[in-house]
Amino acid sequence: MGCFVYILGSLPPGDRRTYVGWTTDLDNRLAAHNAGTGARSTRGRQWELLYAERYRNRGEAMSREWHLKKDRKFRRLVAIEP
């Protein structure tokens, strides 16, 4: 099945915030964040998927999630509007 590490960006882009997480189902997880039932820090905002990576197992995904949470420079680059 696989696991995904993802970066979400808040809408509107003028007040862009990012969130990093991992999941086995990207579509359902994004819907949960937008419905207010995702992580507490994502409640009250609308989110769009900015970036995702696929991994074979949970351990690899969780390790990458930890590294992305620390890498603010990369998150800023991903959050820049095209």
Protein backbone atom coordinates (compact mmCIF):
# COMPACT_ATOMS: atom_id res chain seq x y z
CA MET A 1 0.00 0.00 0.00
CA GLY A 2 2.61 2.58 0.98
CA CYS A 3 2.68 5.70 3.09
CA PHE A 4 2.87 9.33 2.08
CA VAL A 5 4.58 12.33 3.61
CA TYR A 6 2.86 15.55 2.63
CA ILE A 7 3.06 19.31 2.96
CA LEU A 8 -0.13 21.33 3.11
CA GLY A 9 -0.43 25.06 2.50
CA SER A 10 -3.17 27.18 4.01
CA LEU A 11 -5.53 29.29 1.94
CA PRO A 12 -5.55 32.18 1.17
CA PRO A 13 -1.94 32.26 -0.05
CA GLY A 14 -1.37 35.76 1.38
CA ASP A 15 -1.23 34.30 4.89
CA ARG A 16 0.44 31.02 3.88
CA ARG A 17 1.20 28.53 6.61
CA THR A 18 2.49 25.01 6.08
CA TYR A 19 1.79 21.72 7.80
CA VAL A 20 3.77 18.49 7.44
CA GLY A 21 2.26 15.06 8.12
CA TRP A 22 2.15 11.44 6.98
CA THR A 23 -0.73 9.18 5.96
CA THR A 24 -1.70 6.12 3.98
CA ASP A 25 -4.51 7.95 2.11
CA LEU A 26 -3.80 11.51 0.91
CA ASP A 27 -7.32 12.33 -0.27
CA ASN A 28 -9.01 11.29 2.97
CA ARG A 29 -6.38 13.01 5.09
CA LEU A 30 -6.74 16.32 3.22
CA ALA A 31 -10.52 16.08 3.57
CA ALA A 32 -10.12 15.49 7.32
CA HIS A 33 -7.88 18.56 7.71
CA ASN A 34 -10.35 20.72 5.78
CA ALA A 35 -13.29 19.35 7.79
CA GLY A 36 -11.60 20.32 11.07
CA THR A 37 -11.07 16.72 12.19
CA GLY A 38 -7.36 16.54 11.32
CA ALA A 39 -4.54 17.76 13.53
CA ARG A 40 -5.48 20.44 16.06
CA SER A 41 -3.05 22.94 14.51
CA THR A 42 -4.85 22.73 11.14
CA ARG A 43 -8.35 23.50 12.42
CA GLY A 44 -10.05 26.66 11.27
CA ARG A 45 -8.20 26.93 7.95
CA GLN A 46 -8.64 25.59 4.45
CA TRP A 47 -5.68 23.61 3.11
CA GLU A 48 -4.33 22.55 -0.26
CA LEU A 49 -1.80 19.82 -0.99
CA LEU A 50 1.51 21.38 -2.00
CA TYR A 51 3.88 18.41 -2.00
CA ALA A 52 3.89 14.65 -1.38
CA GLU A 53 6.40 11.79 -1.33
CA ARG A 54 5.63 8.05 -1.26
CA TYR A 55 7.41 5.55 1.01
CA ARG A 56 7.26 1.78 1.37
CA ASN A 57 6.53 1.71 5.08
CA ARG A 58 5.46 3.75 8.09
CA GLY A 59 8.95 3.99 9.59
CA GLU A 60 10.45 5.59 6.48
CA ALA A 61 7.53 8.01 6.19
CA MET A 62 7.72 9.04 9.84
CA SER A 63 11.47 9.61 9.58
CA ARG A 64 11.05 11.81 6.50
CA GLU A 65 8.19 13.70 8.18
CA TRP A 66 10.48 14.52 11.11
CA HIS A 67 13.18 15.81 8.77
CA LEU A 68 10.73 17.94 6.75
CA LYS A 69 9.33 19.50 9.92
CA LYS A 70 12.85 20.70 10.74
CA ASP A 71 13.58 21.94 7.19
CA ARG A 72 11.82 25.32 7.12
CA LYS A 73 13.80 26.47 4.09
CA PHE A 74 12.40 23.62 1.97
CA ARG A 75 8.87 24.27 3.27
CA ARG A 76 9.16 27.94 2.30
CA LEU A 77 10.29 26.98 -1.21
CA VAL A 78 7.35 24.60 -1.62
CA ALA A 79 4.90 27.24 -0.34
CA ILE A 80 5.91 29.89 -2.91
CA GLU A 81 3.17 30.52 -5.43
CA PRO A 82 4.05 29.48 -9.01
